[in-house]
Protein backbone atom coordinates (compact mmCIF):
# COMPACT_ATOMS: atom_id res chain seq x y z
CA MET A 1 0.00 0.00 0.00
CA THR A 2 1.40 3.33 -1.07
CA ARG A 3 0.28 6.92 -1.51
CA ASP A 4 0.66 8.57 -4.88
CA ASP A 5 -0.72 11.92 -6.05
CA GLY A 6 -3.84 11.89 -3.90
CA PHE A 7 -4.39 8.15 -3.97
CA VAL A 8 -3.81 5.13 -1.76
CA THR A 9 -3.34 1.64 -3.11
CA LEU A 10 -5.28 -1.40 -1.99
CA PRO A 11 -3.47 -4.72 -1.38
CA ASP A 12 -4.30 -5.92 -4.92
CA GLY A 13 -2.82 -2.77 -6.50
CA GLU A 14 -6.00 -0.82 -7.23
CA ARG A 15 -5.71 2.91 -6.50
CA ILE A 16 -8.51 4.81 -4.75
CA ALA A 17 -8.89 8.46 -3.77
CA ARG A 18 -7.04 9.37 -0.58
CA LEU A 19 -9.73 11.95 0.26
CA GLY A 20 -13.28 10.74 -0.14
CA GLN A 21 -16.76 11.49 1.15
CA GLY A 22 -18.76 10.10 4.05
CA THR A 23 -22.56 10.07 4.17
CA TRP A 24 -23.55 9.34 7.77
CA GLN A 25 -26.87 11.12 8.60
CA MET A 26 -27.41 12.22 5.00
CA GLY A 27 -30.86 11.63 3.54
CA GLU A 28 -32.59 11.89 6.90
CA ARG A 29 -33.90 15.46 6.61
CA PRO A 30 -35.90 16.32 3.46
CA GLU A 31 -35.03 20.02 3.69
CA HIS A 32 -31.32 19.15 3.27
CA ARG A 33 -31.73 16.65 0.46
CA ASN A 34 -30.90 18.86 -2.51
CA ALA A 35 -27.89 20.44 -0.79
CA GLU A 36 -26.53 17.01 0.15
CA ILE A 37 -26.92 15.70 -3.39
CA ASP A 38 -25.22 18.81 -4.80
CA ALA A 39 -22.35 18.39 -2.32
CA LEU A 40 -21.80 14.74 -3.26
CA ARG A 41 -21.82 15.50 -6.96
CA ILE A 42 -19.42 18.43 -6.62
CA GLY A 43 -17.17 16.24 -4.50
CA ILE A 44 -16.98 13.71 -7.30
CA GLU A 45 -16.16 16.51 -9.74
CA LEU A 46 -13.33 17.58 -7.41
CA GLY A 47 -11.87 14.08 -7.39
CA MET A 48 -13.31 12.88 -4.07
CA THR A 49 -14.54 9.74 -5.76
CA LEU A 50 -14.30 7.38 -2.77
CA ILE A 51 -17.82 7.45 -1.26
CA ASP A 52 -18.82 5.54 1.85
CA THR A 53 -22.28 4.62 3.12
CA ALA A 54 -24.00 1.80 5.03
CA GLU A 55 -27.32 0.02 5.31
CA MET A 56 -27.46 1.33 8.90
CA TYR A 57 -27.42 4.99 7.84
CA GLY A 58 -31.02 6.14 8.03
CA GLU A 59 -31.99 2.46 7.78
CA GLY A 60 -31.42 2.67 4.03
CA ALA A 61 -32.42 6.30 3.50
CA THR A 62 -28.82 7.39 2.98
CA GLU A 63 -28.21 4.73 0.33
CA THR A 64 -31.38 5.86 -1.44
CA LEU A 65 -30.17 9.46 -1.50
CA LEU A 66 -26.76 8.38 -2.70
CA GLY A 67 -28.31 6.34 -5.48
CA GLU A 68 -30.01 9.51 -6.67
CA ALA A 69 -26.82 11.56 -6.37
CA LEU A 70 -24.83 9.05 -8.44
CA ALA A 71 -27.15 9.18 -11.45
CA GLY A 72 -24.88 9.42 -14.48
CA LEU A 73 -21.75 9.36 -12.29
CA ARG A 74 -21.59 5.79 -11.03
CA GLU A 75 -18.63 4.78 -13.21
CA GLN A 76 -16.50 7.58 -11.72
CA VAL A 77 -16.98 6.41 -8.13
CA PHE A 78 -15.41 3.81 -5.85
CA LEU A 79 -18.57 2.95 -3.91
CA VAL A 80 -18.46 1.51 -0.39
CA SER A 81 -21.27 0.21 1.79
CA LYS A 82 -21.45 -1.76 5.03
CA VAL A 83 -23.52 -4.64 6.38
CA TYR A 84 -24.91 -4.76 9.92
CA PRO A 85 -23.23 -7.40 12.14
CA HIS A 86 -26.58 -9.07 12.79
CA ASN A 87 -27.02 -9.49 9.03
CA ALA A 88 -23.56 -10.98 8.54
CA SER A 89 -24.61 -14.61 8.10
CA ARG A 90 -24.19 -16.41 4.76
CA ASP A 91 -27.73 -15.64 3.65
CA GLY A 92 -27.96 -12.35 5.52
CA VAL A 93 -24.93 -10.79 3.83
CA VAL A 94 -26.30 -11.65 0.41
CA ALA A 95 -29.77 -10.30 1.21
CA SER A 96 -28.35 -7.09 2.69
CA CYS A 97 -26.06 -6.55 -0.26
CA GLU A 98 -28.86 -7.02 -2.76
CA ALA A 99 -31.04 -4.56 -0.83
CA SER A 100 -28.20 -2.02 -0.79
CA LEU A 101 -27.62 -2.45 -4.51
CA LYS A 102 -31.29 -1.79 -5.16
CA ARG A 103 -31.31 1.38 -3.06
CA LEU A 104 -28.05 2.57 -4.64
CA LYS A 105 -29.34 1.81 -8.15
CA THR A 106 -26.22 -0.08 -9.13
CA ASP A 107 -25.26 -3.63 -10.02
CA ARG A 108 -22.20 -3.88 -7.79
CA LEU A 109 -20.31 -2.37 -4.87
CA ASP A 110 -16.63 -1.63 -5.19
CA LEU A 111 -16.10 -2.42 -1.50
CA TYR A 112 -18.39 -4.09 1.06
CA LEU A 113 -17.54 -3.92 4.76
CA LEU A 114 -18.65 -5.68 7.93
CA HIS A 115 -19.69 -2.64 9.97
CA TRP A 116 -18.36 -3.92 13.29
CA ARG A 117 -17.67 -7.23 14.99
CA GLY A 118 -20.79 -9.17 15.91
CA GLY A 119 -21.73 -12.64 17.12
CA ILE A 120 -21.80 -14.42 13.76
CA PRO A 121 -18.62 -16.46 13.08
CA LEU A 122 -16.18 -14.58 10.88
CA GLU A 123 -15.74 -17.67 8.70
CA GLU A 124 -19.40 -17.42 7.71
CA THR A 125 -19.16 -13.73 6.85
CA VAL A 126 -15.98 -14.26 4.84
CA GLU A 127 -17.63 -17.07 2.87
CA ALA A 128 -20.58 -14.80 2.08
CA PHE A 129 -18.30 -11.96 0.97
CA GLU A 130 -16.36 -14.31 -1.29
CA SER A 131 -19.60 -15.63 -2.77
CA LEU A 132 -20.72 -12.08 -3.57
CA ARG A 133 -17.34 -11.38 -5.14
CA ARG A 134 -17.55 -14.47 -7.35
CA ASP A 135 -21.02 -13.38 -8.45
CA GLY A 136 -19.78 -9.91 -9.39
CA LYS A 137 -21.94 -8.10 -6.82
CA ILE A 138 -18.91 -6.76 -4.96
CA ARG A 139 -15.35 -6.18 -6.14
CA HIS A 140 -13.56 -6.03 -2.78
CA TRP A 141 -14.53 -6.65 0.82
CA GLY A 142 -13.22 -5.53 4.19
CA VAL A 143 -14.14 -4.69 7.76
CA SER A 144 -14.75 -1.73 10.03
CA ASN A 145 -13.97 -1.09 13.69
CA PHE A 146 -11.65 -4.12 13.97
CA ASP A 147 -8.74 -4.01 16.41
CA VAL A 148 -5.57 -6.08 16.04
CA ASP A 149 -6.96 -9.17 17.76
CA ASP A 150 -10.05 -9.01 15.53
CA MET A 151 -7.88 -8.67 12.43
CA GLU A 152 -5.79 -11.66 13.44
CA GLU A 153 -8.93 -13.73 13.96
CA LEU A 154 -10.17 -12.57 10.57
CA ILE A 155 -7.02 -13.81 8.86
CA GLU A 156 -7.31 -17.15 10.68
CA ALA A 157 -10.91 -17.36 9.44
CA GLY A 158 -9.75 -17.21 5.83
CA GLY A 159 -9.88 -13.44 5.49
CA GLN A 160 -6.60 -12.90 3.65
CA ALA A 161 -8.46 -10.97 0.93
CA CYS A 162 -9.51 -8.20 3.33
CA ALA A 163 -8.87 -4.92 1.49
CA THR A 164 -9.17 -2.37 4.30
CA ASN A 165 -10.27 -1.65 7.84
CA GLN A 166 -12.43 1.44 8.32
CA ILE A 167 -11.68 2.94 11.75
CA LEU A 168 -12.23 6.01 13.89
CA TYR A 169 -9.03 7.99 13.50
CA ASN A 170 -8.21 11.64 13.97
CA VAL A 171 -5.77 13.88 15.79
CA ALA A 172 -7.63 13.42 19.09
CA ARG A 173 -8.04 9.62 18.76
CA ARG A 174 -4.65 8.15 17.96
CA GLY A 175 -4.67 4.84 19.82
CA CYS A 176 -4.54 2.81 16.61
CA GLU A 177 -1.06 4.19 15.88
CA PHE A 178 0.47 1.97 18.56
CA ASP A 179 -0.25 -1.41 16.98
CA LEU A 180 -3.16 -1.49 14.54
CA LEU A 181 -1.79 0.86 11.87
CA PRO A 182 1.64 -0.85 11.90
CA TRP A 183 -0.08 -4.26 11.67
CA MET A 184 -2.05 -3.10 8.63
CA LYS A 185 0.88 -1.33 7.00
CA ALA A 186 2.95 -4.52 7.20
CA ARG A 187 0.23 -6.20 5.14
CA ARG A 188 -0.07 -3.32 2.65
CA MET A 189 -3.63 -2.70 3.85
CA PRO A 190 -4.74 0.94 4.05
CA ALA A 191 -6.88 2.27 6.86
CA MET A 192 -10.02 4.25 6.00
CA ALA A 193 -10.48 7.00 8.60
CA TYR A 194 -14.03 7.88 9.50
CA SER A 195 -14.83 11.00 11.56
CA PRO A 196 -11.37 12.38 10.67
CA ILE A 197 -12.25 15.69 12.32
CA ASP A 198 -13.77 13.98 15.40
CA HIS A 199 -17.31 14.96 14.55
CA MET A 200 -16.41 18.63 14.96
CA ARG A 201 -15.54 18.09 18.64
CA LEU A 202 -11.93 19.23 18.39
CA PRO A 203 -10.95 21.88 20.94
CA LYS A 204 -11.58 25.42 19.78
CA ARG A 205 -8.29 26.69 21.21
CA SER A 206 -5.26 24.53 20.53
CA VAL A 207 -2.19 24.30 18.35
CA LEU A 208 -4.56 23.45 15.50
CA ASP A 209 -6.07 26.91 15.80
CA GLU A 210 -2.62 28.51 15.90
CA ILE A 211 -1.56 26.70 12.72
CA ALA A 212 -4.86 27.51 11.05
CA ARG A 213 -4.56 31.24 11.75
CA ALA A 214 -0.94 31.32 10.60
CA ARG A 215 -1.75 29.49 7.38
CA GLY A 216 -5.10 31.11 6.53
CA LEU A 217 -6.91 27.83 7.04
CA SER A 218 -9.68 26.52 9.25
CA VAL A 219 -9.08 24.21 12.20
CA VAL A 220 -11.01 21.54 10.30
CA GLN A 221 -8.69 21.84 7.31
CA VAL A 222 -5.60 21.51 9.51
CA ALA A 223 -7.02 18.49 11.34
CA LEU A 224 -7.97 16.82 8.06
CA ALA A 225 -4.58 17.60 6.51
CA TRP A 226 -2.97 15.91 9.53
CA VAL A 227 -4.87 12.68 8.85
CA LEU A 228 -4.08 12.86 5.14
CA ALA A 229 -0.36 13.25 5.90
CA ARG A 230 -0.15 9.52 6.72
CA ASP A 231 0.76 7.39 3.72
CA GLU A 232 -1.31 4.43 4.87
CA VAL A 233 -4.59 6.30 5.47
CA CYS A 234 -7.46 7.60 3.35
CA ALA A 235 -10.25 9.69 4.87
CA ILE A 236 -13.99 10.04 4.36
CA PRO A 237 -15.23 13.30 5.95
CA LYS A 238 -18.88 14.18 5.48
CA ALA A 239 -19.90 17.47 3.90
CA GLY A 240 -23.54 18.44 3.58
CA SER A 241 -23.01 21.55 1.45
CA VAL A 242 -21.01 22.54 -1.62
CA GLU A 243 -19.07 25.10 0.42
CA HIS A 244 -18.13 22.47 2.99
CA VAL A 245 -17.01 19.91 0.41
CA ARG A 246 -14.85 22.51 -1.34
CA ALA A 247 -13.24 23.38 2.00
CA ASN A 248 -12.52 19.71 2.66
CA ARG A 249 -10.96 19.31 -0.77
CA ARG A 250 -8.52 22.14 -0.05
CA SER A 251 -7.14 20.09 2.86
CA LEU A 252 -5.65 17.66 0.37
CA ASP A 253 -3.29 20.38 -0.86
CA VAL A 254 -2.09 21.37 2.63
CA VAL A 255 1.39 20.08 3.47
CA LEU A 256 2.13 20.44 7.17
CA THR A 257 5.74 21.20 8.05
CA GLY A 258 7.85 19.06 10.35
CA GLN A 259 7.64 21.78 12.97
CA GLU A 260 3.85 21.89 12.73
CA LEU A 261 3.59 18.12 12.99
CA ALA A 262 5.84 18.13 16.05
CA ALA A 263 3.69 20.83 17.67
CA ILE A 264 0.57 18.74 17.04
CA ASP A 265 2.29 15.68 18.55
CA SER A 266 3.10 17.73 21.63
CA ALA A 267 -0.52 18.78 22.10
CA PHE A 268 -2.21 15.56 20.93
CA LYS A 269 0.25 12.95 22.08
CA PRO A 270 0.70 9.67 20.18
CA PRO A 271 0.07 6.52 22.26
CA ARG A 272 2.89 4.91 24.22
CA ARG A 273 0.95 1.78 25.09
CA LYS A 274 -1.89 -0.34 23.77
CA VAL A 275 -5.21 1.52 23.66
CA SER A 276 -8.41 -0.29 22.74
CA LEU A 277 -9.79 0.85 19.42
CA GLU A 278 -12.46 3.53 19.85
CA MET A 279 -15.58 3.62 17.72
CA LEU A 280 -18.66 5.75 17.17
């Protein structure tokens, strides 16, 4: 897995956008629908062609909105969705995938993820993913919210084809740097960072604000640029307006200096011991 000109590379060599778009909570408020669709379409135009969703989001409402937004643009997008853990049985995965495909108005997903670890044996979920891949309904599969022990169990369950692990990762939540990110990097498996700006909960006064003021940026742009500075990570921030998506896109062009990165490390310290993976 490498980074090259705004892309990261999956274990099989396919390149995907390093900065993409998330969709959590989109499609749930009718008065925001048109703005959200416009934002997604502008994001694609700006090269943010990695788009993530899930059957959980709005219980399908988000996938329905995204299906509308992708009209005429589907071939430009690397489309990701996720299956609920309680639907992760052999038959359940297939049924969930087919329902997602219908809502998204497409014949295949580029990446299908297990949303988080549940009670169904991983072997069963892996078998279902591989069946969907053979049938052409998905192109890649992976997981979300898996810590190192979960990833090791996944490999033991026949999950060597796992393409990525989507995790909560941002400047304020760095626990995965201790062991999970190195584990994935050793296997050329990129991490997909959700909530890369910590759901807008970053402190209002910090070194991020100092850097932002000095550089003519926003705190959000600095925080997102920090995530994007890691070779082994792509990010999927949500933007519900055209203005917001354009601001996110500018983060991709921000190169933080060594001094700035050191200052951020001083304020938001990297882990020195194992920290359980956080999730939202």
